[in-house]
Amino acid sequence: MTNYPSPRSMHPVRLADGSAHLGSVFLAAAIDHPRMKVGEYTYASAHEPPKDWAALLAPYLYDFSPERLIIGKFCQIASGVQFITSSANHRFDGISSFPFAIFGGGGREGRPSMPDAGPDTFIGNDCWIGTGATLMPGCVLGDGVIVGAGAVVTGQHADYTIIAGNPAREVRTRFVPRDRQRLKAIAWWDWPIEKILTHEAAISGGDIEALERAVRPLAGS
C-alpha cells in the first residue's frame, strides 16, 4: 500500500520538519459548500492561506446561489485564481445595470433590477489554472486544459488545449485529435491512486500506449 495522502487530507504537503504546509489544500477536504463540487486530489494554493477557501476561490457563489461550480479530479489551482460565478452578474440589457433590489425598496425576488439565474461553471479533470487567472460565469474547460497566468477565461475550451490572454484564446493544442480521444477513453484520473502511481512515468511523460496497455486487463475483466 502507498503512503500517498488521502484525498480527504486537508493539508497533504508536509514540510521538512514534518509540519503541514498550510498554503496548499486538497479542496475536497477544505470546502463544504452546497453549490460547489470538487473532485478527488484537486488542490489549490495560496500565498496567504484563507480561513474560507470557498470564499477565496468563488467569492460570489453564495449558499443560496442558483448556479454551481463543478471542478474535476486532479486539478491544480494556483494562488490568486478566482471563479467569478453567475451570481456576480448585473443586468445590462436595459438602461441601467444598477442592482436597486440589493439595497432595499422591497423584496429581491422577481425585482426588475435583478438578473435571471445564470449558467453553471464546469472545470474538467487534470486542468492546470495558472496564477491570477480569472474564470468568468459559465465558462467550461475540458479535461487537461492549461490556463496561462493572468488569463481571463470565458466560453468553452476543448480538451487538452492551452489558453492564455485577456480574453483567453487558444495558444495551441497539447495532442492531436486522435490522441485526445485516446486519453479521454483511458481516463486515468478515475483509476485507484495505487494504479496511478504505478504508471506515474507514463502519465507524466505522455506514453499513451503504456496507459492503453494498463487499461486492457480492466476491459476484459
Protein backbone atom coordinates (compact mmCIF):
# COMPACT_ATOMS: atom_id res chain seq x y z
CA MET A 1 0.00 0.00 0.00
CA THR A 2 1.15 3.50 -0.76
CA ASN A 3 1.60 6.20 1.86
CA TYR A 4 0.11 8.75 -0.53
CA PRO A 5 -2.21 11.16 1.34
CA SER A 6 -5.95 10.61 1.28
CA PRO A 7 -7.92 12.97 -0.98
CA ARG A 8 -9.71 13.95 2.22
CA SER A 9 -6.48 15.26 3.77
CA MET A 10 -6.79 18.97 4.40
CA HIS A 11 -3.05 19.68 4.15
CA PRO A 12 -1.39 16.97 2.06
CA VAL A 13 2.03 18.64 1.74
CA ARG A 14 4.49 18.23 4.60
CA LEU A 15 7.47 20.49 5.23
CA ALA A 16 10.95 19.25 6.13
CA ASP A 17 10.19 19.48 9.84
CA GLY A 18 7.06 17.36 9.42
CA SER A 19 4.62 20.24 9.86
CA ALA A 20 1.77 20.88 7.43
CA HIS A 21 2.19 23.35 4.58
CA LEU A 22 -0.91 25.46 5.17
CA GLY A 23 -0.79 27.15 1.79
CA SER A 24 -1.89 24.08 -0.21
CA VAL A 25 -5.04 22.06 0.37
CA PHE A 26 -6.98 19.25 -1.22
CA LEU A 27 -10.22 21.13 -1.91
CA ALA A 28 -12.47 18.11 -1.34
CA ALA A 29 -11.40 18.32 2.30
CA ALA A 30 -11.17 22.10 2.60
CA ILE A 31 -14.55 23.06 1.11
CA ASP A 32 -18.04 22.38 2.40
CA HIS A 33 -20.28 24.46 0.16
CA PRO A 34 -23.71 23.44 -1.15
CA ARG A 35 -23.08 24.91 -4.61
CA MET A 36 -19.53 23.60 -5.14
CA LYS A 37 -18.44 20.10 -6.10
CA VAL A 38 -14.72 19.29 -6.30
CA GLY A 39 -13.14 16.01 -7.38
CA GLU A 40 -10.54 13.99 -5.52
CA TYR A 41 -6.93 15.21 -5.36
CA THR A 42 -7.72 18.62 -6.83
CA TYR A 43 -5.65 21.12 -4.89
CA ALA A 44 -5.45 24.89 -4.54
CA SER A 45 -2.60 27.03 -3.26
CA ALA A 46 -2.49 30.49 -1.71
CA HIS A 47 0.45 32.59 -0.55
CA GLU A 48 -1.71 33.73 2.37
CA PRO A 49 -3.90 30.77 3.40
CA PRO A 50 -7.51 31.84 3.98
CA LYS A 51 -9.93 30.71 6.65
CA ASP A 52 -12.52 30.05 3.94
CA TRP A 53 -11.19 28.51 0.73
CA ALA A 54 -14.59 28.56 -0.96
CA ALA A 55 -14.94 32.31 -0.41
CA LEU A 56 -11.39 32.91 -1.65
CA LEU A 57 -11.89 30.97 -4.87
CA ALA A 58 -15.51 31.82 -5.64
CA PRO A 59 -16.46 34.97 -3.68
CA TYR A 60 -19.82 35.44 -5.45
CA LEU A 61 -21.03 31.86 -5.04
CA TYR A 62 -23.41 32.05 -2.10
CA ASP A 63 -25.24 29.26 -0.28
CA PHE A 64 -28.45 30.46 -1.94
CA SER A 65 -26.98 30.93 -5.44
CA PRO A 66 -28.84 29.09 -8.21
CA GLU A 67 -25.67 28.25 -10.15
CA ARG A 68 -22.99 25.66 -9.36
CA LEU A 69 -19.22 25.45 -9.64
CA ILE A 70 -18.08 21.93 -10.56
CA ILE A 71 -14.37 21.05 -10.67
CA GLY A 72 -12.99 17.66 -11.70
CA LYS A 73 -10.26 15.47 -10.24
CA PHE A 74 -6.52 16.17 -10.08
CA CYS A 75 -6.84 19.87 -10.98
CA GLN A 76 -4.09 22.27 -9.97
CA ILE A 77 -5.25 25.76 -8.96
CA ALA A 78 -2.56 28.36 -8.37
CA SER A 79 -2.57 31.30 -5.98
CA GLY A 80 -4.80 34.21 -6.95
CA VAL A 81 -7.22 32.24 -9.15
CA GLN A 82 -10.85 33.38 -8.92
CA PHE A 83 -14.04 31.91 -10.28
CA ILE A 84 -16.50 34.73 -10.96
CA THR A 85 -19.76 32.82 -10.91
CA SER A 86 -23.13 33.89 -12.26
CA SER A 87 -24.39 35.46 -9.03
CA ALA A 88 -21.90 38.29 -9.64
CA ASN A 89 -23.80 39.34 -12.76
CA HIS A 90 -25.85 42.53 -13.17
CA ARG A 91 -28.49 43.19 -15.77
CA PHE A 92 -27.06 45.05 -18.74
CA ASP A 93 -29.81 44.61 -21.30
CA GLY A 94 -31.65 47.77 -20.25
CA ILE A 95 -30.72 51.37 -19.43
CA SER A 96 -29.04 50.86 -16.05
CA SER A 97 -27.07 47.95 -14.63
CA PHE A 98 -27.57 49.20 -11.02
CA PRO A 99 -28.92 46.44 -8.71
CA PHE A 100 -31.56 48.54 -6.88
CA ALA A 101 -33.07 45.47 -5.22
CA ILE A 102 -29.86 44.67 -3.32
CA PHE A 103 -30.23 47.77 -1.17
CA GLY A 104 -33.93 47.67 -0.29
CA GLY A 105 -37.23 49.03 -1.51
CA GLY A 106 -38.93 45.65 -1.08
CA GLY A 107 -38.02 42.03 -1.52
CA ARG A 108 -35.37 40.94 -4.02
CA GLU A 109 -37.30 38.07 -5.61
CA GLY A 110 -38.67 38.98 -9.02
CA ARG A 111 -37.40 42.56 -8.92
CA PRO A 112 -36.70 44.02 -12.37
CA SER A 113 -33.19 45.14 -11.42
CA MET A 114 -32.09 41.56 -10.66
CA PRO A 115 -30.74 39.34 -13.46
CA ASP A 116 -32.08 35.90 -14.24
CA ALA A 117 -30.19 32.88 -12.93
CA GLY A 118 -27.00 32.27 -14.91
CA PRO A 119 -25.18 29.14 -16.09
CA ASP A 120 -23.03 26.75 -14.08
CA THR A 121 -19.23 26.74 -14.40
CA PHE A 122 -17.55 23.44 -15.25
CA ILE A 123 -13.84 22.58 -14.95
CA GLY A 124 -12.69 19.21 -16.30
CA ASN A 125 -10.17 16.77 -14.83
CA ASP A 126 -6.43 17.43 -14.70
CA CYS A 127 -6.68 21.14 -15.52
CA TRP A 128 -3.86 23.48 -14.52
CA ILE A 129 -5.06 27.02 -13.82
CA GLY A 130 -2.17 29.48 -13.56
CA THR A 131 -1.52 32.26 -11.08
CA GLY A 132 -4.06 35.07 -11.04
CA ALA A 133 -6.35 33.64 -13.71
CA THR A 134 -10.00 34.71 -13.66
CA LEU A 135 -12.71 32.37 -14.87
CA MET A 136 -15.93 34.12 -15.79
CA PRO A 137 -19.53 32.93 -15.33
CA GLY A 138 -20.48 29.85 -17.27
CA CYS A 139 -17.05 29.01 -18.67
CA VAL A 140 -16.37 25.36 -19.47
CA LEU A 141 -12.92 23.77 -19.54
CA GLY A 142 -12.43 20.29 -20.97
CA ASP A 143 -10.07 17.73 -19.46
CA GLY A 144 -6.38 18.56 -19.45
CA VAL A 145 -6.76 22.27 -20.21
CA ILE A 146 -3.91 24.58 -19.18
CA VAL A 147 -4.79 28.20 -18.37
CA GLY A 148 -1.98 30.75 -18.51
CA ALA A 149 -1.23 33.07 -15.61
CA GLY A 150 -3.46 36.15 -15.54
CA ALA A 151 -5.83 34.84 -18.21
CA VAL A 152 -9.46 35.95 -18.27
CA VAL A 153 -11.46 32.94 -19.40
CA THR A 154 -14.91 32.95 -20.97
CA GLY A 155 -16.77 30.42 -23.09
CA GLN A 156 -15.94 26.78 -23.77
CA HIS A 157 -12.48 25.33 -24.36
CA ALA A 158 -11.78 21.87 -25.73
CA ASP A 159 -9.89 19.05 -24.02
CA TYR A 160 -6.11 19.35 -23.89
CA THR A 161 -5.77 22.92 -25.09
CA ILE A 162 -3.53 25.66 -23.74
CA ILE A 163 -5.25 29.03 -23.40
CA ALA A 164 -3.90 32.42 -22.35
CA GLY A 165 -4.57 36.14 -22.55
CA ASN A 166 -7.43 38.57 -21.97
CA PRO A 167 -9.76 37.40 -23.29
CA ALA A 168 -8.23 33.93 -23.22
CA ARG A 169 -7.56 32.40 -26.63
CA GLU A 170 -6.20 29.03 -27.67
CA VAL A 171 -2.41 29.08 -27.85
CA ARG A 172 -2.11 25.52 -29.09
CA THR A 173 -3.46 22.02 -28.59
CA ARG A 174 -1.48 19.59 -26.49
CA PHE A 175 -2.25 16.47 -28.55
CA VAL A 176 -3.61 15.63 -31.98
CA PRO A 177 -7.36 14.86 -32.09
CA ARG A 178 -6.87 11.07 -32.16
CA ASP A 179 -4.67 11.14 -29.06
CA ARG A 180 -7.14 13.38 -27.24
CA GLN A 181 -9.81 10.75 -27.87
CA ARG A 182 -7.50 8.02 -26.60
CA LEU A 183 -6.76 9.94 -23.41
CA LYS A 184 -10.46 10.54 -22.78
CA ALA A 185 -11.08 6.80 -23.14
CA ILE A 186 -8.22 5.98 -20.76
CA ALA A 187 -9.50 8.45 -18.10
CA TRP A 188 -6.55 7.72 -15.81
CA TRP A 189 -7.96 10.12 -13.18
CA ASP A 190 -10.62 7.52 -12.39
CA TRP A 191 -8.04 4.83 -11.54
CA PRO A 192 -7.19 3.92 -7.94
CA ILE A 193 -4.32 6.04 -6.66
CA GLU A 194 -2.04 2.99 -6.39
CA LYS A 195 -2.51 2.27 -10.10
CA ILE A 196 -1.92 5.92 -10.97
CA LEU A 197 1.35 5.96 -9.06
CA THR A 198 2.45 2.71 -10.69
CA HIS A 199 2.04 4.39 -14.08
CA GLU A 200 3.24 7.84 -12.99
CA ALA A 201 6.05 7.89 -15.58
CA ALA A 202 3.66 7.19 -18.45
CA ILE A 203 1.09 9.74 -17.25
CA SER A 204 3.65 12.48 -16.71
CA GLY A 205 5.71 11.60 -19.76
CA GLY A 206 2.92 11.18 -22.32
CA ASP A 207 3.21 7.45 -23.06
CA ILE A 208 -0.34 6.84 -24.28
CA GLU A 209 0.45 3.32 -25.48
CA ALA A 210 1.60 2.27 -21.99
CA LEU A 211 -1.60 3.65 -20.47
CA GLU A 212 -3.72 1.78 -23.01
CA ARG A 213 -1.89 -1.43 -22.10
CA ALA A 214 -2.66 -0.73 -18.46
CA VAL A 215 -6.38 -0.37 -19.26
CA ARG A 216 -6.78 -3.56 -21.34
CA PRO A 217 -6.90 -6.01 -18.38
CA LEU A 218 -9.76 -3.98 -16.93
CA ALA A 219 -11.68 -4.18 -20.21
CA GLY A 220 -11.50 -7.98 -20.19
CA SER A 221 -12.38 -8.49 -16.55
